[in-house]
Amino acid sequence: RKAAIGAQYRIAGKSGTAQVVAIKQGEKYDRTKVQERHRDHALFVGFAPADNPKIVVAVMVENGESGSGVAAPVVRQVMDAWLLDENGQLKPEYADSMNLEAAAREE
């Protein structure tokens, strides 16, 4: 959710992690005891605008540990680059479709 704060469009997505090394049953994951190269991979897949997607982005950060904390902000940056103009406003081709979606929800 933090990665979507302030966005001019709604983002939908799912975060996750992929375990790199096995942890013994009953043992808790302690990042201070795991070599950096063995830390979990961070994943996030998202699409936007949520109601009428124009872009889908999947990011995997090796040993990033947190999908929502590390991979999601990268997805947001890619989406911003695709959907926003140089002034940080929605490009006209996306703004028009978002206005139509908002009007349809109000009816």
PDB file of N, CA and C in Angstrom:
ATOM      1  N   ARG A   1       0.811  -1.203   0.000  1.00  0.00           N
ATOM      2  CA  ARG A   1       0.000   0.000   0.000  1.00  0.00           C
ATOM      3  C   ARG A   1       0.848   1.258   0.000  1.00  0.00           C
ATOM      4  N   LYS A   2       1.990   1.199   0.678  1.00  0.00           N
ATOM      5  CA  LYS A   2       2.842   2.387   0.731  1.00  0.00           C
ATOM      6  C   LYS A   2       3.312   2.792  -0.656  1.00  0.00           C
ATOM      7  N   ALA A   3       3.586   1.823  -1.514  1.00  0.00           N
ATOM      8  CA  ALA A   3       4.091   2.134  -2.854  1.00  0.00           C
ATOM      9  C   ALA A   3       3.050   2.871  -3.688  1.00  0.00           C
ATOM     10  N   ALA A   4       1.768   2.739  -3.354  1.00  0.00           N
ATOM     11  CA  ALA A   4       0.699   3.370  -4.137  1.00  0.00           C
ATOM     12  C   ALA A   4       0.274   4.734  -3.587  1.00  0.00           C
ATOM     13  N   ILE A   5       0.797   5.133  -2.448  1.00  0.00           N
ATOM     14  CA  ILE A   5       0.401   6.411  -1.851  1.00  0.00           C
ATOM     15  C   ILE A   5       0.755   7.557  -2.795  1.00  0.00           C
ATOM     16  N   GLY A   6      -0.240   8.398  -3.055  1.00  0.00           N
ATOM     17  CA  GLY A   6      -0.030   9.563  -3.897  1.00  0.00           C
ATOM     18  C   GLY A   6      -0.121   9.310  -5.391  1.00  0.00           C
ATOM     19  N   ALA A   7      -0.381   8.075  -5.788  1.00  0.00           N
ATOM     20  CA  ALA A   7      -0.489   7.761  -7.220  1.00  0.00           C
ATOM     21  C   ALA A   7      -1.741   8.403  -7.794  1.00  0.00           C
ATOM     22  N   GLN A   8      -1.674   8.799  -9.051  1.00  0.00           N
ATOM     23  CA  GLN A   8      -2.819   9.399  -9.729  1.00  0.00           C
ATOM     24  C   GLN A   8      -3.684   8.340 -10.393  1.00  0.00           C
ATOM     25  N   TYR A   9      -3.429   7.115 -10.095  1.00  0.00           N
ATOM     26  CA  TYR A   9      -4.168   5.989 -10.659  1.00  0.00           C
ATOM     27  C   TYR A   9      -4.173   4.890  -9.599  1.00  0.00           C
ATOM     28  N   ARG A  10      -5.139   3.978  -9.711  1.00  0.00           N
ATOM     29  CA  ARG A  10      -5.226   2.873  -8.746  1.00  0.00           C
ATOM     30  C   ARG A  10      -4.347   1.723  -9.210  1.00  0.00           C
ATOM     31  N   ILE A  11      -3.571   1.202  -8.290  1.00  0.00           N
ATOM     32  CA  ILE A  11      -2.688   0.074  -8.567  1.00  0.00           C
ATOM     33  C   ILE A  11      -3.267  -1.164  -7.892  1.00  0.00           C
ATOM     34  N   ALA A  12      -3.259  -2.280  -8.605  1.00  0.00           N
ATOM     35  CA  ALA A  12      -3.634  -3.562  -8.011  1.00  0.00           C
ATOM     36  C   ALA A  12      -2.417  -4.474  -8.110  1.00  0.00           C
ATOM     37  N   GLY A  13      -2.185  -5.268  -7.093  1.00  0.00           N
ATOM     38  CA  GLY A  13      -1.022  -6.135  -7.164  1.00  0.00           C
ATOM     39  C   GLY A  13      -0.931  -7.088  -6.001  1.00  0.00           C
ATOM     40  N   LYS A  14       0.105  -7.911  -6.053  1.00  0.00           N
ATOM     41  CA  LYS A  14       0.348  -8.901  -5.008  1.00  0.00           C
ATOM     42  C   LYS A  14       1.843  -8.999  -4.764  1.00  0.00           C
ATOM     43  N   SER A  15       2.207  -8.954  -3.498  1.00  0.00           N
ATOM     44  CA  SER A  15       3.613  -9.092  -3.123  1.00  0.00           C
ATOM     45  C   SER A  15       3.876 -10.508  -2.644  1.00  0.00           C
ATOM     46  N   GLY A  16       5.148 -10.848  -2.574  1.00  0.00           N
ATOM     47  CA  GLY A  16       5.505 -12.158  -2.066  1.00  0.00           C
ATOM     48  C   GLY A  16       7.002 -12.275  -1.870  1.00  0.00           C
ATOM     49  N   THR A  17       7.397 -13.394  -1.296  1.00  0.00           N
ATOM     50  CA  THR A  17       8.812 -13.704  -1.148  1.00  0.00           C
ATOM     51  C   THR A  17       9.033 -15.134  -1.597  1.00  0.00           C
ATOM     52  N   ALA A  18      10.246 -15.403  -2.055  1.00  0.00           N
ATOM     53  CA  ALA A  18      10.633 -16.761  -2.429  1.00  0.00           C
ATOM     54  C   ALA A  18      11.827 -17.143  -1.565  1.00  0.00           C
ATOM     55  N   GLN A  19      11.664 -18.214  -0.835  1.00  0.00           N
ATOM     56  CA  GLN A  19      12.708 -18.668   0.074  1.00  0.00           C
ATOM     57  C   GLN A  19      13.893 -19.188  -0.734  1.00  0.00           C
ATOM     58  N   VAL A  20      15.101 -18.774  -0.380  1.00  0.00           N
ATOM     59  CA  VAL A  20      16.305 -19.175  -1.102  1.00  0.00           C
ATOM     60  C   VAL A  20      16.895 -20.449  -0.503  1.00  0.00           C
ATOM     61  N   VAL A  21      16.984 -20.519   0.800  1.00  0.00           N
ATOM     62  CA  VAL A  21      17.506 -21.717   1.462  1.00  0.00           C
ATOM     63  C   VAL A  21      16.467 -22.236   2.448  1.00  0.00           C
ATOM     64  N   ALA A  22      16.523 -23.516   2.677  1.00  0.00           N
ATOM     65  CA  ALA A  22      15.574 -24.138   3.601  1.00  0.00           C
ATOM     66  C   ALA A  22      15.914 -23.763   5.044  1.00  0.00           C
ATOM     67  N   ILE A  23      14.875 -23.601   5.820  1.00  0.00           N
ATOM     68  CA  ILE A  23      15.019 -23.351   7.254  1.00  0.00           C
ATOM     69  C   ILE A  23      14.435 -24.566   7.958  1.00  0.00           C
ATOM     70  N   LYS A  24      15.141 -25.054   8.958  1.00  0.00           N
ATOM     71  CA  LYS A  24      14.701 -26.252   9.660  1.00  0.00           C
ATOM     72  C   LYS A  24      13.314 -26.062  10.247  1.00  0.00           C
ATOM     73  N   GLN A  25      12.558 -27.153  10.270  1.00  0.00           N
ATOM     74  CA  GLN A  25      11.213 -27.107  10.825  1.00  0.00           C
ATOM     75  C   GLN A  25      11.276 -26.635  12.273  1.00  0.00           C
ATOM     76  N   GLY A  26      10.394 -25.711  12.612  1.00  0.00           N
ATOM     77  CA  GLY A  26      10.345 -25.177  13.960  1.00  0.00           C
ATOM     78  C   GLY A  26      11.308 -24.016  14.196  1.00  0.00           C
ATOM     79  N   GLU A  27      12.217 -23.785  13.236  1.00  0.00           N
ATOM     80  CA  GLU A  27      13.172 -22.683  13.368  1.00  0.00           C
ATOM     81  C   GLU A  27      12.590 -21.433  12.729  1.00  0.00           C
ATOM     82  N   LYS A  28      12.838 -20.273  13.329  1.00  0.00           N
ATOM     83  CA  LYS A  28      12.341 -19.012  12.772  1.00  0.00           C
ATOM     84  C   LYS A  28      13.416 -18.371  11.905  1.00  0.00           C
ATOM     85  N   TYR A  29      12.948 -17.669  10.870  1.00  0.00           N
ATOM     86  CA  TYR A  29      13.854 -16.947   9.974  1.00  0.00           C
ATOM     87  C   TYR A  29      14.459 -15.762  10.719  1.00  0.00           C
ATOM     88  N   ASP A  30      15.770 -15.704  10.746  1.00  0.00           N
ATOM     89  CA  ASP A  30      16.484 -14.599  11.393  1.00  0.00           C
ATOM     90  C   ASP A  30      17.496 -14.065  10.391  1.00  0.00           C
ATOM     91  N   ARG A  31      17.197 -12.906   9.816  1.00  0.00           N
ATOM     92  CA  ARG A  31      18.037 -12.363   8.746  1.00  0.00           C
ATOM     93  C   ARG A  31      19.471 -12.132   9.197  1.00  0.00           C
ATOM     94  N   THR A  32      19.693 -11.915  10.484  1.00  0.00           N
ATOM     95  CA  THR A  32      21.054 -11.665  10.964  1.00  0.00           C
ATOM     96  C   THR A  32      21.908 -12.931  10.941  1.00  0.00           C
ATOM     97  N   LYS A  33      21.255 -14.089  10.872  1.00  0.00           N
ATOM     98  CA  LYS A  33      21.982 -15.357  10.852  1.00  0.00           C
ATOM     99  C   LYS A  33      22.100 -15.945   9.446  1.00  0.00           C
ATOM    100  N   VAL A  34      21.535 -15.241   8.456  1.00  0.00           N
ATOM    101  CA  VAL A  34      21.534 -15.743   7.079  1.00  0.00           C
ATOM    102  C   VAL A  34      22.457 -14.871   6.235  1.00  0.00           C
ATOM    103  N   GLN A  35      23.353 -15.514   5.479  1.00  0.00           N
ATOM    104  CA  GLN A  35      24.214 -14.751   4.574  1.00  0.00           C
ATOM    105  C   GLN A  35      23.342 -13.980   3.593  1.00  0.00           C
ATOM    106  N   GLU A  36      23.809 -12.807   3.181  1.00  0.00           N
ATOM    107  CA  GLU A  36      23.012 -11.963   2.286  1.00  0.00           C
ATOM    108  C   GLU A  36      22.585 -12.721   1.031  1.00  0.00           C
ATOM    109  N   ARG A  37      23.475 -13.526   0.474  1.00  0.00           N
ATOM    110  CA  ARG A  37      23.143 -14.255  -0.763  1.00  0.00           C
ATOM    111  C   ARG A  37      22.085 -15.343  -0.540  1.00  0.00           C
ATOM    112  N   HIS A  38      21.781 -15.650   0.715  1.00  0.00           N
ATOM    113  CA  HIS A  38      20.769 -16.665   1.024  1.00  0.00           C
ATOM    114  C   HIS A  38      19.452 -16.065   1.517  1.00  0.00           C
ATOM    115  N   ARG A  39      19.359 -14.745   1.529  1.00  0.00           N
ATOM    116  CA  ARG A  39      18.120 -14.105   1.990  1.00  0.00           C
ATOM    117  C   ARG A  39      17.022 -14.254   0.939  1.00  0.00           C
ATOM    118  N   ASP A  40      15.785 -14.187   1.395  1.00  0.00           N
ATOM    119  CA  ASP A  40      14.629 -14.384   0.510  1.00  0.00           C
ATOM    120  C   ASP A  40      14.617 -13.380  -0.638  1.00  0.00           C
ATOM    121  N   HIS A  41      14.080 -13.840  -1.779  1.00  0.00           N
ATOM    122  CA  HIS A  41      13.877 -12.949  -2.922  1.00  0.00           C
ATOM    123  C   HIS A  41      12.563 -12.194  -2.715  1.00  0.00           C
ATOM    124  N   ALA A  42      12.512 -10.952  -3.189  1.00  0.00           N
ATOM    125  CA  ALA A  42      11.319 -10.108  -3.068  1.00  0.00           C
ATOM    126  C   ALA A  42      10.586 -10.077  -4.402  1.00  0.00           C
ATOM    127  N   LEU A  43       9.258 -10.232  -4.365  1.00  0.00           N
ATOM    128  CA  LEU A  43       8.455 -10.265  -5.585  1.00  0.00           C
ATOM    129  C   LEU A  43       7.281  -9.303  -5.485  1.00  0.00           C
ATOM    130  N   PHE A  44       6.941  -8.693  -6.615  1.00  0.00           N
ATOM    131  CA  PHE A  44       5.703  -7.920  -6.699  1.00  0.00           C
ATOM    132  C   PHE A  44       5.243  -7.922  -8.143  1.00  0.00           C
ATOM    133  N   VAL A  45       3.967  -8.238  -8.341  1.00  0.00           N
ATOM    134  CA  VAL A  45       3.330  -8.163  -9.656  1.00  0.00           C
ATOM    135  C   VAL A  45       2.159  -7.206  -9.508  1.00  0.00           C
ATOM    136  N   GLY A  46       2.087  -6.212 -10.399  1.00  0.00           N
ATOM    137  CA  GLY A  46       1.013  -5.233 -10.308  1.00  0.00           C
ATOM    138  C   GLY A  46       0.513  -4.805 -11.670  1.00  0.00           C
ATOM    139  N   PHE A  47      -0.703  -4.256 -11.683  1.00  0.00           N
ATOM    140  CA  PHE A  47      -1.249  -3.699 -12.918  1.00  0.00           C
ATOM    141  C   PHE A  47      -1.967  -2.398 -12.599  1.00  0.00           C
ATOM    142  N   ALA A  48      -2.061  -1.546 -13.624  1.00  0.00           N
ATOM    143  CA  ALA A  48      -2.694  -0.233 -13.431  1.00  0.00           C
ATOM    144  C   ALA A  48      -3.158   0.312 -14.777  1.00  0.00           C
ATOM    145  N   PRO A  49      -4.133   1.194 -14.778  1.00  0.00           N
ATOM    146  CA  PRO A  49      -5.066   1.465 -13.691  1.00  0.00           C
ATOM    147  C   PRO A  49      -5.847   0.191 -13.321  1.00  0.00           C
ATOM    148  N   ALA A  50      -6.168   0.044 -12.070  1.00  0.00           N
ATOM    149  CA  ALA A  50      -6.764  -1.194 -11.570  1.00  0.00           C
ATOM    150  C   ALA A  50      -8.055  -1.574 -12.282  1.00  0.00           C
ATOM    151  N   ASP A  51      -8.894  -0.574 -12.628  1.00  0.00           N
ATOM    152  CA  ASP A  51     -10.189  -0.865 -13.246  1.00  0.00           C
ATOM    153  C   ASP A  51     -10.117  -1.141 -14.742  1.00  0.00           C
ATOM    154  N   ASN A  52      -9.062  -0.666 -15.389  1.00  0.00           N
ATOM    155  CA  ASN A  52      -8.920  -0.835 -16.837  1.00  0.00           C
ATOM    156  C   ASN A  52      -7.426  -0.855 -17.154  1.00  0.00           C
ATOM    157  N   PRO A  53      -6.752  -1.974 -16.864  1.00  0.00           N
ATOM    158  CA  PRO A  53      -5.292  -2.026 -16.943  1.00  0.00           C
ATOM    159  C   PRO A  53      -4.724  -1.671 -18.318  1.00  0.00           C
ATOM    160  N   LYS A  54      -3.667  -0.876 -18.273  1.00  0.00           N
ATOM    161  CA  LYS A  54      -2.915  -0.502 -19.469  1.00  0.00           C
ATOM    162  C   LYS A  54      -1.482  -1.004 -19.390  1.00  0.00           C
ATOM    163  N   ILE A  55      -1.073  -1.419 -18.189  1.00  0.00           N
ATOM    164  CA  ILE A  55       0.291  -1.900 -17.987  1.00  0.00           C
ATOM    165  C   ILE A  55       0.301  -2.945 -16.874  1.00  0.00           C
ATOM    166  N   VAL A  56       1.132  -3.967 -17.071  1.00  0.00           N
ATOM    167  CA  VAL A  56       1.375  -4.994 -16.058  1.00  0.00           C
ATOM    168  C   VAL A  56       2.888  -5.055 -15.862  1.00  0.00           C
ATOM    169  N   VAL A  57       3.314  -5.080 -14.608  1.00  0.00           N
ATOM    170  CA  VAL A  57       4.742  -5.115 -14.307  1.00  0.00           C
ATOM    171  C   VAL A  57       4.995  -6.191 -13.258  1.00  0.00           C
ATOM    172  N   ALA A  58       6.033  -6.999 -13.487  1.00  0.00           N
ATOM    173  CA  ALA A  58       6.467  -7.996 -12.513  1.00  0.00           C
ATOM    174  C   ALA A  58       7.927  -7.711 -12.172  1.00  0.00           C
ATOM    175  N   VAL A  59       8.235  -7.666 -10.880  1.00  0.00           N
ATOM    176  CA  VAL A  59       9.597  -7.388 -10.430  1.00  0.00           C
ATOM    177  C   VAL A  59      10.018  -8.451  -9.427  1.00  0.00           C
ATOM    178  N   MET A  60      11.259  -8.938  -9.585  1.00  0.00           N
ATOM    179  CA  MET A  60      11.860  -9.845  -8.625  1.00  0.00           C
ATOM    180  C   MET A  60      13.210  -9.243  -8.248  1.00  0.00           C
ATOM    181  N   VAL A  61      13.417  -8.983  -6.967  1.00  0.00           N
ATOM    182  CA  VAL A  61      14.681  -8.437  -6.481  1.00  0.00           C
ATOM    183  C   VAL A  61      15.392  -9.550  -5.721  1.00  0.00           C
ATOM    184  N   GLU A  62      16.513  -9.991  -6.264  1.00  0.00           N
ATOM    185  CA  GLU A  62      17.263 -11.055  -5.607  1.00  0.00           C
ATOM    186  C   GLU A  62      17.660 -10.636  -4.198  1.00  0.00           C
ATOM    187  N   ASN A  63      17.376 -11.505  -3.257  1.00  0.00           N
ATOM    188  CA  ASN A  63      17.738 -11.307  -1.856  1.00  0.00           C
ATOM    189  C   ASN A  63      17.192 -10.003  -1.279  1.00  0.00           C
ATOM    190  N   GLY A  64      16.078  -9.520  -1.829  1.00  0.00           N
ATOM    191  CA  GLY A  64      15.471  -8.266  -1.381  1.00  0.00           C
ATOM    192  C   GLY A  64      14.662  -8.392  -0.107  1.00  0.00           C
ATOM    193  N   GLU A  65      14.266  -9.603   0.240  1.00  0.00           N
ATOM    194  CA  GLU A  65      13.566  -9.961   1.481  1.00  0.00           C
ATOM    195  C   GLU A  65      12.114  -9.515   1.586  1.00  0.00           C
ATOM    196  N   SER A  66      11.725  -8.391   1.020  1.00  0.00           N
ATOM    197  CA  SER A  66      10.361  -7.892   1.215  1.00  0.00           C
ATOM    198  C   SER A  66       9.744  -7.466  -0.108  1.00  0.00           C
ATOM    199  N   GLY A  67       8.720  -8.210  -0.556  1.00  0.00           N
ATOM    200  CA  GLY A  67       8.064  -7.868  -1.811  1.00  0.00           C
ATOM    201  C   GLY A  67       7.424  -6.502  -1.780  1.00  0.00           C
ATOM    202  N   SER A  68       6.707  -6.211  -0.692  1.00  0.00           N
ATOM    203  CA  SER A  68       6.026  -4.918  -0.621  1.00  0.00           C
ATOM    204  C   SER A  68       6.996  -3.785  -0.313  1.00  0.00           C
ATOM    205  N   GLY A  69       8.057  -4.068   0.399  1.00  0.00           N
ATOM    206  CA  GLY A  69       8.992  -3.023   0.786  1.00  0.00           C
ATOM    207  C   GLY A  69      10.065  -2.712  -0.237  1.00  0.00           C
ATOM    208  N   VAL A  70      10.425  -3.692  -1.068  1.00  0.00           N
ATOM    209  CA  VAL A  70      11.527  -3.513  -2.004  1.00  0.00           C
ATOM    210  C   VAL A  70      11.069  -3.580  -3.458  1.00  0.00           C
ATOM    211  N   ALA A  71      10.285  -4.595  -3.811  1.00  0.00           N
ATOM    212  CA  ALA A  71       9.883  -4.778  -5.211  1.00  0.00           C
ATOM    213  C   ALA A  71       8.735  -3.855  -5.621  1.00  0.00           C
ATOM    214  N   ALA A  72       7.776  -3.612  -4.737  1.00  0.00           N
ATOM    215  CA  ALA A  72       6.618  -2.768  -5.082  1.00  0.00           C
ATOM    216  C   ALA A  72       7.017  -1.343  -5.472  1.00  0.00           C
ATOM    217  N   PRO A  73       7.958  -0.702  -4.766  1.00  0.00           N
ATOM    218  CA  PRO A  73       8.356   0.641  -5.198  1.00  0.00           C
ATOM    219  C   PRO A  73       8.967   0.669  -6.606  1.00  0.00           C
ATOM    220  N   VAL A  74       9.637  -0.406  -7.003  1.00  0.00           N
ATOM    221  CA  VAL A  74      10.194  -0.486  -8.355  1.00  0.00           C
ATOM    222  C   VAL A  74       9.057  -0.562  -9.369  1.00  0.00           C
ATOM    223  N   VAL A  75       8.037  -1.376  -9.060  1.00  0.00           N
ATOM    224  CA  VAL A  75       6.859  -1.468  -9.929  1.00  0.00           C
ATOM    225  C   VAL A  75       6.227  -0.088 -10.075  1.00  0.00           C
ATOM    226  N   ARG A  76       6.081   0.634  -8.986  1.00  0.00           N
ATOM    227  CA  ARG A  76       5.488   1.977  -9.022  1.00  0.00           C
ATOM    228  C   ARG A  76       6.289   2.906  -9.936  1.00  0.00           C
ATOM    229  N   GLN A  77       7.610   2.858  -9.853  1.00  0.00           N
ATOM    230  CA  GLN A  77       8.448   3.714 -10.695  1.00  0.00           C
ATOM    231  C   GLN A  77       8.260   3.397 -12.172  1.00  0.00           C
ATOM    232  N   VAL A  78       8.168   2.116 -12.510  1.00  0.00           N
ATOM    233  CA  VAL A  78       7.954   1.720 -13.906  1.00  0.00           C
ATOM    234  C   VAL A  78       6.582   2.197 -14.374  1.00  0.00           C
ATOM    235  N   MET A  79       5.558   2.016 -13.536  1.00  0.00           N
ATOM    236  CA  MET A  79       4.207   2.454 -13.902  1.00  0.00           C
ATOM    237  C   MET A  79       4.142   3.968 -14.078  1.00  0.00           C
ATOM    238  N   ASP A  80       4.775   4.707 -13.174  1.00  0.00           N
ATOM    239  CA  ASP A  80       4.804   6.164 -13.306  1.00  0.00           C
ATOM    240  C   ASP A  80       5.454   6.568 -14.626  1.00  0.00           C
ATOM    241  N   ALA A  81       6.552   5.920 -14.979  1.00  0.00           N
ATOM    242  CA  ALA A  81       7.248   6.248 -16.226  1.00  0.00           C
ATOM    243  C   ALA A  81       6.360   5.985 -17.436  1.00  0.00           C
ATOM    244  N   TRP A  82       5.513   4.964 -17.350  1.00  0.00           N
ATOM    245  CA  TRP A  82       4.637   4.596 -18.466  1.00  0.00           C
ATOM    246  C   TRP A  82       3.383   5.475 -18.531  1.00  0.00           C
ATOM    247  N   LEU A  83       2.771   5.740 -17.386  1.00  0.00           N
ATOM    248  CA  LEU A  83       1.465   6.395 -17.348  1.00  0.00           C
ATOM    249  C   LEU A  83       1.505   7.920 -17.205  1.00  0.00           C
ATOM    250  N   LEU A  84       2.612   8.464 -16.698  1.00  0.00           N
ATOM    251  CA  LEU A  84       2.672   9.899 -16.419  1.00  0.00           C
ATOM    252  C   LEU A  84       3.558  10.637 -17.421  1.00  0.00           C
ATOM    253  N   ASP A  85       3.210  11.909 -17.657  1.00  0.00           N
ATOM    254  CA  ASP A  85       4.038  12.732 -18.546  1.00  0.00           C
ATOM    255  C   ASP A  85       5.204  13.332 -17.757  1.00  0.00           C
ATOM    256  N   GLU A  86       5.996  14.174 -18.420  1.00  0.00           N
ATOM    257  CA  GLU A  86       7.182  14.757 -17.779  1.00  0.00           C
ATOM    258  C   GLU A  86       6.839  15.694 -16.622  1.00  0.00           C
ATOM    259  N   ASN A  87       5.572  16.119 -16.526  1.00  0.00           N
ATOM    260  CA  ASN A  87       5.127  16.975 -15.419  1.00  0.00           C
ATOM    261  C   ASN A  87       4.477  16.188 -14.285  1.00  0.00           C
ATOM    262  N   GLY A  88       4.492  14.869 -14.400  1.00  0.00           N
ATOM    263  CA  GLY A  88       3.899  14.036 -13.361  1.00  0.00           C
ATOM    264  C   GLY A  88       2.388  13.912 -13.441  1.00  0.00           C
ATOM    265  N   GLN A  89       1.806  14.305 -14.575  1.00  0.00           N
ATOM    266  CA  GLN A  89       0.359  14.198 -14.784  1.00  0.00           C
ATOM    267  C   GLN A  89       0.065  12.979 -15.654  1.00  0.00           C
ATOM    268  N   LEU A  90      -1.141  12.419 -15.484  1.00  0.00           N
ATOM    269  CA  LEU A  90      -1.529  11.296 -16.342  1.00  0.00           C
ATOM    270  C   LEU A  90      -1.477  11.726 -17.801  1.00  0.00           C
ATOM    271  N   LYS A  91      -0.895  10.879 -18.637  1.00  0.00           N
ATOM    272  CA  LYS A  91      -0.880  11.168 -20.073  1.00  0.00           C
ATOM    273  C   LYS A  91      -2.326  11.198 -20.556  1.00  0.00           C
ATOM    274  N   PRO A  92      -2.645  12.050 -21.540  1.00  0.00           N
ATOM    275  CA  PRO A  92      -4.032  12.208 -21.996  1.00  0.00           C
ATOM    276  C   PRO A  92      -4.715  10.893 -22.363  1.00  0.00           C
ATOM    277  N   GLU A  93      -3.995   9.981 -22.993  1.00  0.00           N
ATOM    278  CA  GLU A  93      -4.618   8.718 -23.403  1.00  0.00           C
ATOM    279  C   GLU A  93      -5.062   7.875 -22.210  1.00  0.00           C
ATOM    280  N   TYR A  94      -4.438   8.064 -21.051  1.00  0.00           N
ATOM    281  CA  TYR A  94      -4.835   7.324 -19.853  1.00  0.00           C
ATOM    282  C   TYR A  94      -5.812   8.134 -19.007  1.00  0.00           C
ATOM    283  N   ALA A  95      -5.661   9.438 -18.989  1.00  0.00           N
ATOM    284  CA  ALA A  95      -6.562  10.301 -18.215  1.00  0.00           C
ATOM    285  C   ALA A  95      -7.987  10.180 -18.729  1.00  0.00           C
ATOM    286  N   ASP A  96      -8.164  10.129 -20.057  1.00  0.00           N
ATOM    287  CA  ASP A  96      -9.500  10.003 -20.635  1.00  0.00           C
ATOM    288  C   ASP A  96     -10.177   8.713 -20.189  1.00  0.00           C
ATOM    289  N   SER A  97      -9.459   7.601 -20.227  1.00  0.00           N
ATOM    290  CA  SER A  97     -10.070   6.327 -19.829  1.00  0.00           C
ATOM    291  C   SER A  97     -10.368   6.309 -18.335  1.00  0.00           C
ATOM    292  N   MET A  98      -9.543   6.963 -17.524  1.00  0.00           N
ATOM    293  CA  MET A  98      -9.786   7.016 -16.079  1.00  0.00           C
ATOM    294  C   MET A  98     -11.015   7.865 -15.781  1.00  0.00           C
ATOM    295  N   ASN A  99     -11.215   8.956 -16.514  1.00  0.00           N
ATOM    296  CA  ASN A  99     -12.398   9.795 -16.317  1.00  0.00           C
ATOM    297  C   ASN A  99     -13.665   9.031 -16.670  1.00  0.00           C
ATOM    298  N   LEU A 100     -13.616   8.228 -17.726  1.00  0.00           N
ATOM    299  CA  LEU A 100     -14.774   7.417 -18.106  1.00  0.00           C
ATOM    300  C   LEU A 100     -15.085   6.381 -17.033  1.00  0.00           C
ATOM    301  N   GLU A 101     -14.045   5.770 -16.469  1.00  0.00           N
ATOM    302  CA  GLU A 101     -14.237   4.779 -15.407  1.00  0.00           C
ATOM    303  C   GLU A 101     -14.878   5.426 -14.184  1.00  0.00           C
ATOM    304  N   ALA A 102     -14.406   6.599 -13.803  1.00  0.00           N
ATOM    305  CA  ALA A 102     -14.950   7.298 -12.631  1.00  0.00           C
ATOM    306  C   ALA A 102     -16.411   7.654 -12.859  1.00  0.00           C
ATOM    307  N   ALA A 103     -16.746   8.108 -14.058  1.00  0.00           N
ATOM    308  CA  ALA A 103     -18.135   8.460 -14.376  1.00  0.00           C
ATOM    309  C   ALA A 103     -19.024   7.226 -14.319  1.00  0.00           C
ATOM    310  N   ALA A 104     -18.541   6.100 -14.806  1.00  0.00           N
ATOM    311  CA  ALA A 104     -19.323   4.861 -14.796  1.00  0.00           C
ATOM    312  C   ALA A 104     -19.583   4.400 -13.363  1.00  0.00           C
ATOM    313  N   ARG A 105     -18.610   4.580 -12.476  1.00  0.00           N
ATOM    314  CA  ARG A 105     -18.792   4.176 -11.073  1.00  0.00           C
ATOM    315  C   ARG A 105     -19.824   5.052 -10.377  1.00  0.00           C
ATOM    316  N   GLU A 106     -19.927   6.318 -10.784  1.00  0.00           N
ATOM    317  CA  GLU A 106     -20.862   7.246 -10.145  1.00  0.00           C
ATOM    318  C   GLU A 106     -22.303   6.980 -10.552  1.00  0.00           C
ATOM    319  N   GLU A 107     -22.509   6.345 -11.702  1.00  0.00           N
ATOM    320  CA  GLU A 107     -23.886   6.115 -12.191  1.00  0.00           C
ATOM    321  C   GLU A 107     -24.596   5.031 -11.463  1.00  0.00           C
TER     322      GLU A 107
END
